Amino acid sequence: MDNLIIGVVPYSMIDLIWDKVEPLLDKVVVKSPEDISSNVVKAELKLGRKALSTVSRGTEIIAINVLDIRTLDTGLKVLYIPITAGSEMENWLDQFLEIAIAIAKDNGCVELRGMAVRNGWLHKLKPRGWEELFTTIRYKIGE
């Protein structure tokens, strides 16, 4: 794993590392500007409604994952990973998934789910047991 450290950032420390997180998050925002707002993500993290996982090498954050525990209408609890950004996924993905599973179990969740993943993500995750559940499509209606 090449000296990578994966951790979950306490919500009270979001402001302290935001300058290192925001550039990574912005790469996702650029691809989904109608879906994701950096300011809203930061606010949700600071309120503890979502959690931030970082992948670091020394003081450099190379990747982030946002975690969101949800209870579905049926009562089923799942851990969503709606945002993933950064580099070197091949070096940290397996360990991150182990940590995500542990967090999910600790919170009574029965599944991990990724939101708005593109086909490239599914290609990387399928060998790890992930499957496509829903496909989101859109039609812009204009003015």
C-alpha atoms as a PDB file:
ATOM      1  CA  MET A   1       0.000   0.000   0.000  1.00  0.00           C
ATOM      2  CA  ASP A   2       3.029   2.220  -0.210  1.00  0.00           C
ATOM      3  CA  ASN A   3       2.672   4.012   3.155  1.00  0.00           C
ATOM      4  CA  LEU A   4      -0.921   5.115   2.523  1.00  0.00           C
ATOM      5  CA  ILE A   5      -3.119   5.916   5.502  1.00  0.00           C
ATOM      6  CA  ILE A   6      -6.889   5.695   5.325  1.00  0.00           C
ATOM      7  CA  GLY A   7      -8.847   7.469   8.026  1.00  0.00           C
ATOM      8  CA  VAL A   8     -12.180   9.025   8.831  1.00  0.00           C
ATOM      9  CA  VAL A   9     -11.996  12.716   9.698  1.00  0.00           C
ATOM     10  CA  PRO A  10     -13.887  13.882  12.808  1.00  0.00           C
ATOM     11  CA  TYR A  11     -16.508  16.425  11.771  1.00  0.00           C
ATOM     12  CA  SER A  12     -14.952  19.018  14.071  1.00  0.00           C
ATOM     13  CA  MET A  13     -11.740  18.877  12.001  1.00  0.00           C
ATOM     14  CA  ILE A  14     -13.235  19.396   8.528  1.00  0.00           C
ATOM     15  CA  ASP A  15     -12.244  23.080   8.461  1.00  0.00           C
ATOM     16  CA  LEU A  16      -8.640  22.184   9.318  1.00  0.00           C
ATOM     17  CA  ILE A  17      -8.130  20.036   6.225  1.00  0.00           C
ATOM     18  CA  TRP A  18     -10.662  21.533   3.808  1.00  0.00           C
ATOM     19  CA  ASP A  19      -7.996  23.306   1.750  1.00  0.00           C
ATOM     20  CA  LYS A  20      -6.535  19.861   0.909  1.00  0.00           C
ATOM     21  CA  VAL A  21      -9.928  18.216   0.344  1.00  0.00           C
ATOM     22  CA  GLU A  22     -11.643  20.834  -1.797  1.00  0.00           C
ATOM     23  CA  PRO A  23      -9.388  20.509  -4.878  1.00  0.00           C
ATOM     24  CA  LEU A  24     -10.164  16.780  -5.013  1.00  0.00           C
ATOM     25  CA  LEU A  25     -13.873  17.368  -4.474  1.00  0.00           C
ATOM     26  CA  ASP A  26     -13.877  20.040  -7.172  1.00  0.00           C
ATOM     27  CA  LYS A  27     -12.851  17.412  -9.733  1.00  0.00           C
ATOM     28  CA  VAL A  28     -16.166  15.669  -9.066  1.00  0.00           C
ATOM     29  CA  VAL A  29     -18.145  18.915  -8.890  1.00  0.00           C
ATOM     30  CA  VAL A  30     -16.881  19.863 -12.368  1.00  0.00           C
ATOM     31  CA  LYS A  31     -18.332  16.612 -13.744  1.00  0.00           C
ATOM     32  CA  SER A  32     -21.645  16.983 -11.862  1.00  0.00           C
ATOM     33  CA  PRO A  33     -22.185  20.710 -11.213  1.00  0.00           C
ATOM     34  CA  GLU A  34     -25.961  20.281 -11.145  1.00  0.00           C
ATOM     35  CA  ASP A  35     -25.737  17.480  -8.582  1.00  0.00           C
ATOM     36  CA  ILE A  36     -22.932  18.359  -6.195  1.00  0.00           C
ATOM     37  CA  SER A  37     -22.020  21.583  -4.416  1.00  0.00           C
ATOM     38  CA  SER A  38     -18.731  21.855  -2.580  1.00  0.00           C
ATOM     39  CA  ASN A  39     -20.327  24.199  -0.019  1.00  0.00           C
ATOM     40  CA  VAL A  40     -23.203  21.799   0.688  1.00  0.00           C
ATOM     41  CA  VAL A  41     -20.858  18.806   1.005  1.00  0.00           C
ATOM     42  CA  LYS A  42     -18.693  20.754   3.451  1.00  0.00           C
ATOM     43  CA  ALA A  43     -21.729  21.827   5.496  1.00  0.00           C
ATOM     44  CA  GLU A  44     -23.045  18.240   5.667  1.00  0.00           C
ATOM     45  CA  LEU A  45     -19.618  16.998   6.778  1.00  0.00           C
ATOM     46  CA  LYS A  46     -19.286  19.719   9.428  1.00  0.00           C
ATOM     47  CA  LEU A  47     -22.730  18.854  10.820  1.00  0.00           C
ATOM     48  CA  GLY A  48     -21.810  15.173  11.019  1.00  0.00           C
ATOM     49  CA  ARG A  49     -24.608  14.188   8.619  1.00  0.00           C
ATOM     50  CA  LYS A  50     -22.004  12.632   6.334  1.00  0.00           C
ATOM     51  CA  ALA A  51     -18.467  11.474   7.019  1.00  0.00           C
ATOM     52  CA  LEU A  52     -15.223  12.102   5.166  1.00  0.00           C
ATOM     53  CA  SER A  53     -12.676   9.371   4.613  1.00  0.00           C
ATOM     54  CA  THR A  54      -9.257  10.413   3.375  1.00  0.00           C
ATOM     55  CA  VAL A  55      -6.416   8.494   1.821  1.00  0.00           C
ATOM     56  CA  SER A  56      -3.086  10.117   2.634  1.00  0.00           C
ATOM     57  CA  ARG A  57       0.592   9.710   2.032  1.00  0.00           C
ATOM     58  CA  GLY A  58       2.301  11.739   4.699  1.00  0.00           C
ATOM     59  CA  THR A  59       0.581  15.119   4.776  1.00  0.00           C
ATOM     60  CA  GLU A  60      -0.706  14.825   1.194  1.00  0.00           C
ATOM     61  CA  ILE A  61      -4.331  13.743   0.747  1.00  0.00           C
ATOM     62  CA  ILE A  62      -4.450  11.750  -2.486  1.00  0.00           C
ATOM     63  CA  ALA A  63      -8.091  10.630  -2.386  1.00  0.00           C
ATOM     64  CA  ILE A  64     -11.368  11.204  -0.557  1.00  0.00           C
ATOM     65  CA  ASN A  65     -14.593   9.294  -0.069  1.00  0.00           C
ATOM     66  CA  VAL A  66     -17.808  10.707   1.366  1.00  0.00           C
ATOM     67  CA  LEU A  67     -19.857   8.285   3.459  1.00  0.00           C
ATOM     68  CA  ASP A  68     -23.582   8.636   4.047  1.00  0.00           C
ATOM     69  CA  ILE A  69     -25.635   6.272   6.221  1.00  0.00           C
ATOM     70  CA  ARG A  70     -29.231   6.096   5.044  1.00  0.00           C
ATOM     71  CA  THR A  71     -32.321   4.302   6.191  1.00  0.00           C
ATOM     72  CA  LEU A  72     -34.463   3.357   3.218  1.00  0.00           C
ATOM     73  CA  ASP A  73     -38.271   3.449   3.265  1.00  0.00           C
ATOM     74  CA  THR A  74     -38.290  -0.270   4.088  1.00  0.00           C
ATOM     75  CA  GLY A  75     -36.129   0.264   7.182  1.00  0.00           C
ATOM     76  CA  LEU A  76     -33.065  -1.209   5.494  1.00  0.00           C
ATOM     77  CA  LYS A  77     -29.899   0.691   6.452  1.00  0.00           C
ATOM     78  CA  VAL A  78     -27.197   1.153   3.836  1.00  0.00           C
ATOM     79  CA  LEU A  79     -23.892   2.984   3.668  1.00  0.00           C
ATOM     80  CA  TYR A  80     -23.781   5.106   0.534  1.00  0.00           C
ATOM     81  CA  ILE A  81     -20.463   6.263  -0.899  1.00  0.00           C
ATOM     82  CA  PRO A  82     -21.784   9.075  -3.090  1.00  0.00           C
ATOM     83  CA  ILE A  83     -18.477  10.811  -3.786  1.00  0.00           C
ATOM     84  CA  THR A  84     -15.063   9.355  -4.517  1.00  0.00           C
ATOM     85  CA  ALA A  85     -12.229  11.462  -5.886  1.00  0.00           C
ATOM     86  CA  GLY A  86      -8.493  11.321  -6.159  1.00  0.00           C
ATOM     87  CA  SER A  87      -5.788   9.107  -7.552  1.00  0.00           C
ATOM     88  CA  GLU A  88      -4.048   5.775  -7.065  1.00  0.00           C
ATOM     89  CA  MET A  89      -7.295   3.880  -6.508  1.00  0.00           C
ATOM     90  CA  GLU A  90      -5.583   0.576  -7.253  1.00  0.00           C
ATOM     91  CA  ASN A  91      -3.386   1.158  -4.172  1.00  0.00           C
ATOM     92  CA  TRP A  92      -6.161   1.844  -1.632  1.00  0.00           C
ATOM     93  CA  LEU A  93      -9.503   0.535  -2.900  1.00  0.00           C
ATOM     94  CA  ASP A  94      -9.441  -2.873  -1.220  1.00  0.00           C
ATOM     95  CA  GLN A  95      -8.412  -1.505   2.179  1.00  0.00           C
ATOM     96  CA  PHE A  96     -10.947   1.319   1.914  1.00  0.00           C
ATOM     97  CA  LEU A  97     -13.731  -1.175   1.158  1.00  0.00           C
ATOM     98  CA  GLU A  98     -12.759  -3.188   4.262  1.00  0.00           C
ATOM     99  CA  ILE A  99     -13.000  -0.016   6.350  1.00  0.00           C
ATOM    100  CA  ALA A 100     -16.317   0.952   4.731  1.00  0.00           C
ATOM    101  CA  ILE A 101     -17.736  -2.507   5.500  1.00  0.00           C
ATOM    102  CA  ALA A 102     -16.635  -2.188   9.134  1.00  0.00           C
ATOM    103  CA  ILE A 103     -18.231   1.269   9.410  1.00  0.00           C
ATOM    104  CA  ALA A 104     -21.407  -0.048   7.790  1.00  0.00           C
ATOM    105  CA  LYS A 105     -21.620  -2.997  10.196  1.00  0.00           C
ATOM    106  CA  ASP A 106     -20.945  -0.741  13.201  1.00  0.00           C
ATOM    107  CA  ASN A 107     -23.932   1.360  12.124  1.00  0.00           C
ATOM    108  CA  GLY A 108     -26.317  -1.522  11.444  1.00  0.00           C
ATOM    109  CA  CYS A 109     -26.063  -1.272   7.662  1.00  0.00           C
ATOM    110  CA  VAL A 110     -26.503  -4.349   5.503  1.00  0.00           C
ATOM    111  CA  GLU A 111     -25.068  -3.009   2.243  1.00  0.00           C
ATOM    112  CA  LEU A 112     -22.630  -0.607   0.699  1.00  0.00           C
ATOM    113  CA  ARG A 113     -23.975   1.415  -2.205  1.00  0.00           C
ATOM    114  CA  GLY A 114     -22.310   3.806  -4.608  1.00  0.00           C
ATOM    115  CA  MET A 115     -24.281   6.599  -6.193  1.00  0.00           C
ATOM    116  CA  ALA A 116     -23.912   8.026  -9.688  1.00  0.00           C
ATOM    117  CA  VAL A 117     -21.031   5.741 -10.511  1.00  0.00           C
ATOM    118  CA  ARG A 118     -19.894   5.728 -14.086  1.00  0.00           C
ATOM    119  CA  ASN A 119     -19.211   2.530 -16.021  1.00  0.00           C
ATOM    120  CA  GLY A 120     -15.499   2.791 -15.251  1.00  0.00           C
ATOM    121  CA  TRP A 121     -16.204   2.512 -11.540  1.00  0.00           C
ATOM    122  CA  LEU A 122     -18.407  -0.535 -12.036  1.00  0.00           C
ATOM    123  CA  HIS A 123     -15.629  -2.121 -14.094  1.00  0.00           C
ATOM    124  CA  LYS A 124     -13.217  -1.727 -11.144  1.00  0.00           C
ATOM    125  CA  LEU A 125     -15.751  -2.771  -8.490  1.00  0.00           C
ATOM    126  CA  LYS A 126     -17.427  -5.735 -10.218  1.00  0.00           C
ATOM    127  CA  PRO A 127     -14.493  -8.121  -9.536  1.00  0.00           C
ATOM    128  CA  ARG A 128     -14.875  -7.161  -5.861  1.00  0.00           C
ATOM    129  CA  GLY A 129     -18.488  -8.360  -5.756  1.00  0.00           C
ATOM    130  CA  TRP A 130     -20.341  -5.155  -6.651  1.00  0.00           C
ATOM    131  CA  GLU A 131     -23.269  -5.293  -9.040  1.00  0.00           C
ATOM    132  CA  GLU A 132     -25.307  -2.734 -10.933  1.00  0.00           C
ATOM    133  CA  LEU A 133     -28.563  -2.067  -9.114  1.00  0.00           C
ATOM    134  CA  PHE A 134     -29.977   1.060 -10.759  1.00  0.00           C
ATOM    135  CA  THR A 135     -29.014   3.173 -13.718  1.00  0.00           C
ATOM    136  CA  THR A 136     -29.746   6.870 -13.562  1.00  0.00           C
ATOM    137  CA  ILE A 137     -30.587   8.599 -16.786  1.00  0.00           C
ATOM    138  CA  ARG A 138     -31.813  12.136 -17.368  1.00  0.00           C
ATOM    139  CA  TYR A 139     -33.597  14.299 -19.855  1.00  0.00           C
ATOM    140  CA  LYS A 140     -33.150  18.055 -19.561  1.00  0.00           C
ATOM    141  CA  ILE A 141     -36.477  19.764 -20.235  1.00  0.00           C
ATOM    142  CA  GLY A 142     -35.027  23.217 -20.788  1.00  0.00           C
ATOM    143  CA  GLU A 143     -36.954  26.398 -20.126  1.00  0.00           C
END
